[in-house]
Amino acid sequence: MSTSNVKTISAAATDALDRVTDKAETLVDSKDKVVSDFKALLAEGEALLKSASGTGDQAMAAFRDKFEDQLYAAKKRFAELEQATVREAKRAAKATDGYVHDNPWTAIAVAGGVGLLVGLVVSSARRES
């Protein structure tokens, strides 16, 4: 394998890793938003339960409607996040499968190198303990 081929493969792998990292960061941000929405929903539910005793039917209906709206919005965002995660995971798996089929020896070399590095780390950790 020539040096230019190795550089090309390395650049492609770096680019793919950067794109996957960006997508992962986006998904983490989305997950944080969903968690934040659920916390707000729970806080609203607690306020509803605390204020339920001693309030009239109108106030209770207003709280219930607001709570249901927030619950619906949170469920919708969670479903969107789940769909995006599945879509990205499938895309990444397909890209990885295509790369391995197009470059089987490179994939074997990378896997062997990773295995060697993991073995060295585990071996040195055992020696230290």
N, C-alpha and C. Protein backbone atom coordinates (compact mmCIF):
# COMPACT_ATOMS: atom_id res chain seq x y z
N MET A 1 0.85 -1.17 0.00
CA MET A 1 0.00 0.00 0.00
C MET A 1 0.90 1.22 0.00
N SER A 2 0.62 2.14 -0.90
CA SER A 2 1.48 3.32 -1.02
C SER A 2 1.15 4.34 0.06
N THR A 3 2.07 5.26 0.25
CA THR A 3 1.90 6.30 1.26
C THR A 3 0.69 7.17 0.95
N SER A 4 0.46 7.46 -0.32
CA SER A 4 -0.70 8.30 -0.69
C SER A 4 -2.01 7.59 -0.38
N ASN A 5 -2.05 6.25 -0.57
CA ASN A 5 -3.26 5.49 -0.23
C ASN A 5 -3.52 5.53 1.27
N VAL A 6 -2.45 5.38 2.06
CA VAL A 6 -2.59 5.41 3.51
C VAL A 6 -3.09 6.78 3.96
N LYS A 7 -2.54 7.85 3.36
CA LYS A 7 -2.98 9.21 3.71
C LYS A 7 -4.44 9.42 3.33
N THR A 8 -4.84 8.92 2.17
CA THR A 8 -6.22 9.06 1.72
C THR A 8 -7.17 8.33 2.66
N ILE A 9 -6.79 7.10 3.02
CA ILE A 9 -7.63 6.31 3.94
C ILE A 9 -7.68 6.99 5.30
N SER A 10 -6.55 7.47 5.76
CA SER A 10 -6.50 8.15 7.05
C SER A 10 -7.37 9.41 7.06
N ALA A 11 -7.31 10.18 5.97
CA ALA A 11 -8.12 11.40 5.87
C ALA A 11 -9.60 11.05 5.83
N ALA A 12 -9.95 10.01 5.09
CA ALA A 12 -11.36 9.59 5.02
C ALA A 12 -11.86 9.12 6.38
N ALA A 13 -11.02 8.37 7.08
CA ALA A 13 -11.41 7.89 8.41
C ALA A 13 -11.57 9.04 9.39
N THR A 14 -10.66 10.01 9.32
CA THR A 14 -10.75 11.19 10.19
C THR A 14 -12.00 11.99 9.89
N ASP A 15 -12.30 12.17 8.62
CA ASP A 15 -13.50 12.90 8.22
C ASP A 15 -14.76 12.18 8.72
N ALA A 16 -14.80 10.87 8.54
CA ALA A 16 -15.96 10.10 9.00
C ALA A 16 -16.11 10.18 10.51
N LEU A 17 -14.99 10.11 11.23
CA LEU A 17 -15.04 10.21 12.70
C LEU A 17 -15.53 11.59 13.13
N ASP A 18 -15.09 12.63 12.44
CA ASP A 18 -15.55 13.99 12.75
C ASP A 18 -17.06 14.12 12.54
N ARG A 19 -17.56 13.56 11.44
CA ARG A 19 -19.00 13.64 11.16
C ARG A 19 -19.81 12.88 12.20
N VAL A 20 -19.33 11.69 12.58
CA VAL A 20 -20.02 10.90 13.61
C VAL A 20 -20.00 11.63 14.94
N THR A 21 -18.86 12.24 15.28
CA THR A 21 -18.75 12.99 16.53
C THR A 21 -19.73 14.17 16.55
N ASP A 22 -19.82 14.89 15.43
CA ASP A 22 -20.77 16.00 15.35
C ASP A 22 -22.20 15.52 15.54
N LYS A 23 -22.55 14.41 14.90
CA LYS A 23 -23.90 13.87 15.03
C LYS A 23 -24.16 13.44 16.47
N ALA A 24 -23.17 12.82 17.10
CA ALA A 24 -23.33 12.38 18.49
C ALA A 24 -23.54 13.57 19.41
N GLU A 25 -22.79 14.66 19.18
CA GLU A 25 -22.96 15.86 20.00
C GLU A 25 -24.36 16.45 19.81
N THR A 26 -24.85 16.44 18.59
CA THR A 26 -26.20 16.94 18.31
C THR A 26 -27.24 16.09 19.04
N LEU A 27 -27.05 14.77 19.01
CA LEU A 27 -27.99 13.89 19.69
C LEU A 27 -27.94 14.08 21.20
N VAL A 28 -26.76 14.31 21.75
CA VAL A 28 -26.63 14.56 23.19
C VAL A 28 -27.34 15.85 23.56
N ASP A 29 -27.17 16.89 22.74
CA ASP A 29 -27.87 18.15 22.99
C ASP A 29 -29.38 17.94 22.95
N SER A 30 -29.86 17.17 21.98
CA SER A 30 -31.29 16.88 21.89
C SER A 30 -31.77 16.10 23.09
N LYS A 31 -30.96 15.14 23.53
CA LYS A 31 -31.32 14.35 24.71
C LYS A 31 -31.42 15.25 25.93
N ASP A 32 -30.50 16.18 26.06
CA ASP A 32 -30.53 17.12 27.19
C ASP A 32 -31.80 17.96 27.15
N LYS A 33 -32.23 18.37 25.96
CA LYS A 33 -33.46 19.15 25.82
C LYS A 33 -34.67 18.32 26.25
N VAL A 34 -34.71 17.06 25.84
CA VAL A 34 -35.82 16.18 26.22
C VAL A 34 -35.84 15.98 27.73
N VAL A 35 -34.68 15.75 28.33
CA VAL A 35 -34.60 15.58 29.79
C VAL A 35 -35.08 16.85 30.48
N SER A 36 -34.67 17.99 29.98
CA SER A 36 -35.10 19.27 30.55
C SER A 36 -36.63 19.41 30.46
N ASP A 37 -37.19 19.04 29.31
CA ASP A 37 -38.64 19.11 29.13
C ASP A 37 -39.37 18.18 30.10
N PHE A 38 -38.82 16.99 30.31
CA PHE A 38 -39.46 16.06 31.25
C PHE A 38 -39.37 16.58 32.68
N LYS A 39 -38.26 17.21 33.03
CA LYS A 39 -38.15 17.79 34.37
C LYS A 39 -39.18 18.90 34.57
N ALA A 40 -39.35 19.72 33.54
CA ALA A 40 -40.36 20.78 33.61
C ALA A 40 -41.76 20.18 33.73
N LEU A 41 -41.98 19.11 32.99
CA LEU A 41 -43.26 18.42 33.05
C LEU A 41 -43.52 17.87 34.45
N LEU A 42 -42.52 17.26 35.04
CA LEU A 42 -42.67 16.72 36.39
C LEU A 42 -42.91 17.84 37.41
N ALA A 43 -42.20 18.95 37.24
CA ALA A 43 -42.41 20.08 38.15
C ALA A 43 -43.84 20.60 38.04
N GLU A 44 -44.34 20.69 36.82
CA GLU A 44 -45.72 21.14 36.60
C GLU A 44 -46.70 20.15 37.22
N GLY A 45 -46.41 18.87 37.09
CA GLY A 45 -47.27 17.84 37.69
C GLY A 45 -47.29 17.93 39.20
N GLU A 46 -46.13 18.18 39.79
CA GLU A 46 -46.07 18.34 41.25
C GLU A 46 -46.86 19.56 41.69
N ALA A 47 -46.72 20.65 40.93
CA ALA A 47 -47.48 21.86 41.26
C ALA A 47 -48.98 21.58 41.15
N LEU A 48 -49.34 20.81 40.15
CA LEU A 48 -50.75 20.44 39.96
C LEU A 48 -51.26 19.64 41.16
N LEU A 49 -50.49 18.67 41.59
CA LEU A 49 -50.92 17.84 42.72
C LEU A 49 -51.01 18.66 44.01
N LYS A 50 -50.04 19.55 44.22
CA LYS A 50 -50.06 20.37 45.45
C LYS A 50 -51.24 21.32 45.46
N SER A 51 -51.56 21.87 44.30
CA SER A 51 -52.64 22.85 44.25
C SER A 51 -54.01 22.21 44.04
N ALA A 52 -54.06 20.90 43.82
CA ALA A 52 -55.32 20.23 43.54
C ALA A 52 -56.28 20.30 44.73
N SER A 53 -55.74 20.22 45.91
CA SER A 53 -56.62 20.26 47.07
C SER A 53 -57.00 21.71 47.34
N GLY A 54 -58.28 21.94 47.41
CA GLY A 54 -58.77 23.27 47.74
C GLY A 54 -58.95 24.20 46.56
N THR A 55 -58.82 23.71 45.31
CA THR A 55 -59.05 24.59 44.16
C THR A 55 -60.35 24.21 43.49
N GLY A 56 -60.89 25.14 42.75
CA GLY A 56 -62.13 24.89 42.04
C GLY A 56 -61.92 24.06 40.80
N ASP A 57 -63.00 23.69 40.18
CA ASP A 57 -62.95 22.86 38.98
C ASP A 57 -62.26 23.58 37.82
N GLN A 58 -62.45 24.90 37.69
CA GLN A 58 -61.83 25.64 36.59
C GLN A 58 -60.31 25.65 36.70
N ALA A 59 -59.80 25.90 37.89
CA ALA A 59 -58.35 25.93 38.08
C ALA A 59 -57.75 24.55 37.82
N MET A 60 -58.44 23.52 38.28
CA MET A 60 -57.96 22.16 38.08
C MET A 60 -57.96 21.82 36.59
N ALA A 61 -58.97 22.20 35.86
CA ALA A 61 -59.04 21.93 34.42
C ALA A 61 -57.93 22.67 33.68
N ALA A 62 -57.63 23.89 34.08
CA ALA A 62 -56.55 24.66 33.44
C ALA A 62 -55.20 23.99 33.68
N PHE A 63 -54.96 23.57 34.92
CA PHE A 63 -53.71 22.86 35.22
C PHE A 63 -53.61 21.57 34.42
N ARG A 64 -54.70 20.83 34.37
CA ARG A 64 -54.70 19.55 33.65
C ARG A 64 -54.41 19.76 32.17
N ASP A 65 -55.05 20.77 31.57
CA ASP A 65 -54.83 21.05 30.15
C ASP A 65 -53.37 21.43 29.88
N LYS A 66 -52.81 22.27 30.74
CA LYS A 66 -51.40 22.68 30.58
C LYS A 66 -50.49 21.47 30.73
N PHE A 67 -50.77 20.63 31.70
CA PHE A 67 -49.96 19.43 31.94
C PHE A 67 -50.04 18.49 30.75
N GLU A 68 -51.23 18.28 30.21
CA GLU A 68 -51.40 17.40 29.05
C GLU A 68 -50.66 17.95 27.83
N ASP A 69 -50.70 19.26 27.63
CA ASP A 69 -49.98 19.88 26.51
C ASP A 69 -48.47 19.65 26.64
N GLN A 70 -47.95 19.85 27.84
CA GLN A 70 -46.51 19.65 28.05
C GLN A 70 -46.14 18.18 27.89
N LEU A 71 -46.98 17.29 28.37
CA LEU A 71 -46.72 15.87 28.22
C LEU A 71 -46.69 15.47 26.75
N TYR A 72 -47.65 15.97 25.98
CA TYR A 72 -47.70 15.68 24.55
C TYR A 72 -46.44 16.19 23.85
N ALA A 73 -46.04 17.42 24.16
CA ALA A 73 -44.85 18.01 23.53
C ALA A 73 -43.59 17.22 23.88
N ALA A 74 -43.47 16.81 25.14
CA ALA A 74 -42.30 16.04 25.56
C ALA A 74 -42.27 14.68 24.89
N LYS A 75 -43.41 14.02 24.78
CA LYS A 75 -43.47 12.72 24.11
C LYS A 75 -43.10 12.85 22.63
N LYS A 76 -43.58 13.93 22.01
CA LYS A 76 -43.29 14.15 20.60
C LYS A 76 -41.79 14.37 20.39
N ARG A 77 -41.16 15.20 21.23
CA ARG A 77 -39.72 15.44 21.10
C ARG A 77 -38.93 14.15 21.37
N PHE A 78 -39.37 13.37 22.33
CA PHE A 78 -38.69 12.11 22.62
C PHE A 78 -38.79 11.16 21.42
N ALA A 79 -39.96 11.08 20.80
CA ALA A 79 -40.12 10.22 19.62
C ALA A 79 -39.24 10.70 18.47
N GLU A 80 -39.16 12.03 18.28
CA GLU A 80 -38.30 12.57 17.23
C GLU A 80 -36.83 12.24 17.49
N LEU A 81 -36.42 12.37 18.74
CA LEU A 81 -35.04 12.04 19.11
C LEU A 81 -34.76 10.56 18.87
N GLU A 82 -35.71 9.72 19.24
CA GLU A 82 -35.54 8.28 19.05
C GLU A 82 -35.42 7.95 17.56
N GLN A 83 -36.27 8.55 16.73
CA GLN A 83 -36.20 8.30 15.29
C GLN A 83 -34.88 8.78 14.70
N ALA A 84 -34.41 9.95 15.14
CA ALA A 84 -33.14 10.48 14.64
C ALA A 84 -31.98 9.58 15.05
N THR A 85 -32.03 9.08 16.27
CA THR A 85 -30.97 8.19 16.75
C THR A 85 -30.93 6.90 15.94
N VAL A 86 -32.09 6.30 15.72
CA VAL A 86 -32.15 5.06 14.95
C VAL A 86 -31.69 5.31 13.51
N ARG A 87 -32.14 6.42 12.93
CA ARG A 87 -31.75 6.75 11.55
C ARG A 87 -30.23 6.92 11.43
N GLU A 88 -29.63 7.65 12.37
CA GLU A 88 -28.18 7.87 12.34
C GLU A 88 -27.41 6.58 12.59
N ALA A 89 -27.91 5.74 13.50
CA ALA A 89 -27.25 4.47 13.78
C ALA A 89 -27.27 3.57 12.54
N LYS A 90 -28.41 3.53 11.85
CA LYS A 90 -28.50 2.73 10.62
C LYS A 90 -27.56 3.26 9.55
N ARG A 91 -27.52 4.61 9.42
CA ARG A 91 -26.65 5.22 8.41
C ARG A 91 -25.18 4.91 8.71
N ALA A 92 -24.80 5.01 9.98
CA ALA A 92 -23.43 4.73 10.37
C ALA A 92 -23.09 3.26 10.13
N ALA A 93 -24.02 2.38 10.45
CA ALA A 93 -23.78 0.94 10.23
C ALA A 93 -23.63 0.64 8.75
N LYS A 94 -24.48 1.27 7.92
CA LYS A 94 -24.39 1.05 6.48
C LYS A 94 -23.07 1.58 5.92
N ALA A 95 -22.65 2.76 6.39
CA ALA A 95 -21.39 3.33 5.93
C ALA A 95 -20.21 2.46 6.34
N THR A 96 -20.26 1.97 7.58
CA THR A 96 -19.18 1.10 8.07
C THR A 96 -19.14 -0.19 7.27
N ASP A 97 -20.31 -0.77 7.01
CA ASP A 97 -20.38 -2.01 6.23
C ASP A 97 -19.82 -1.79 4.83
N GLY A 98 -20.18 -0.67 4.21
CA GLY A 98 -19.68 -0.38 2.88
C GLY A 98 -18.17 -0.20 2.87
N TYR A 99 -17.65 0.50 3.88
CA TYR A 99 -16.21 0.72 3.97
C TYR A 99 -15.46 -0.60 4.14
N VAL A 100 -15.99 -1.46 5.01
CA VAL A 100 -15.33 -2.75 5.26
C VAL A 100 -15.35 -3.61 4.01
N HIS A 101 -16.47 -3.59 3.26
CA HIS A 101 -16.53 -4.37 2.03
C HIS A 101 -15.60 -3.81 0.95
N ASP A 102 -15.47 -2.48 0.91
CA ASP A 102 -14.58 -1.86 -0.08
C ASP A 102 -13.11 -1.97 0.30
N ASN A 103 -12.80 -2.03 1.58
CA ASN A 103 -11.42 -2.05 2.07
C ASN A 103 -11.23 -3.13 3.15
N PRO A 104 -11.38 -4.40 2.78
CA PRO A 104 -11.34 -5.44 3.81
C PRO A 104 -9.99 -5.54 4.52
N TRP A 105 -8.90 -5.40 3.80
CA TRP A 105 -7.60 -5.54 4.43
C TRP A 105 -7.29 -4.36 5.35
N THR A 106 -7.73 -3.20 4.98
CA THR A 106 -7.55 -2.03 5.84
C THR A 106 -8.35 -2.22 7.12
N ALA A 107 -9.58 -2.70 6.98
CA ALA A 107 -10.42 -2.93 8.15
C ALA A 107 -9.80 -3.98 9.08
N ILE A 108 -9.23 -5.01 8.50
CA ILE A 108 -8.57 -6.05 9.30
C ILE A 108 -7.36 -5.46 10.02
N ALA A 109 -6.58 -4.64 9.31
CA ALA A 109 -5.40 -4.02 9.92
C ALA A 109 -5.80 -3.08 11.06
N VAL A 110 -6.84 -2.29 10.85
CA VAL A 110 -7.30 -1.37 11.90
C VAL A 110 -7.80 -2.17 13.11
N ALA A 111 -8.59 -3.20 12.86
CA ALA A 111 -9.09 -4.03 13.96
C ALA A 111 -7.94 -4.69 14.71
N GLY A 112 -6.96 -5.17 13.97
CA GLY A 112 -5.79 -5.77 14.62
C GLY A 112 -5.02 -4.77 15.45
N GLY A 113 -4.86 -3.56 14.91
CA GLY A 113 -4.17 -2.50 15.64
C GLY A 113 -4.90 -2.12 16.92
N VAL A 114 -6.20 -1.99 16.83
CA VAL A 114 -7.00 -1.66 18.02
C VAL A 114 -6.89 -2.79 19.03
N GLY A 115 -6.97 -4.02 18.56
CA GLY A 115 -6.82 -5.17 19.46
C GLY A 115 -5.47 -5.19 20.15
N LEU A 116 -4.42 -4.86 19.40
CA LEU A 116 -3.08 -4.81 19.96
C LEU A 116 -2.99 -3.73 21.04
N LEU A 117 -3.54 -2.54 20.74
CA LEU A 117 -3.51 -1.45 21.72
C LEU A 117 -4.28 -1.81 22.99
N VAL A 118 -5.45 -2.39 22.82
CA VAL A 118 -6.23 -2.81 24.00
C VAL A 118 -5.45 -3.85 24.80
N GLY A 119 -4.83 -4.78 24.11
CA GLY A 119 -4.02 -5.80 24.80
C GLY A 119 -2.87 -5.19 25.57
N LEU A 120 -2.20 -4.21 24.98
CA LEU A 120 -1.10 -3.54 25.67
C LEU A 120 -1.58 -2.78 26.90
N VAL A 121 -2.70 -2.10 26.78
CA VAL A 121 -3.25 -1.36 27.92
C VAL A 121 -3.64 -2.31 29.04
N VAL A 122 -4.31 -3.38 28.71
CA VAL A 122 -4.73 -4.35 29.73
C VAL A 122 -3.51 -5.00 30.36
N SER A 123 -2.53 -5.33 29.55
CA SER A 123 -1.31 -5.95 30.05
C SER A 123 -0.56 -5.03 31.01
N SER A 124 -0.44 -3.76 30.64
CA SER A 124 0.28 -2.84 31.52
C SER A 124 -0.51 -2.56 32.80
N ALA A 125 -1.84 -2.56 32.69
CA ALA A 125 -2.67 -2.35 33.89
C ALA A 125 -2.51 -3.52 34.86
N ARG A 126 -2.38 -4.73 34.35
CA ARG A 126 -2.20 -5.90 35.22
C ARG A 126 -0.82 -5.88 35.90
N ARG A 127 0.18 -5.41 35.17
CA ARG A 127 1.52 -5.35 35.75
C ARG A 127 1.60 -4.35 36.90
N GLU A 128 0.85 -3.23 36.74
CA GLU A 128 0.88 -2.19 37.76
C GLU A 128 0.14 -2.59 39.03
N SER A 129 -0.84 -3.47 38.91
CA SER A 129 -1.62 -3.83 40.10
C SER A 129 -1.12 -5.06 40.79
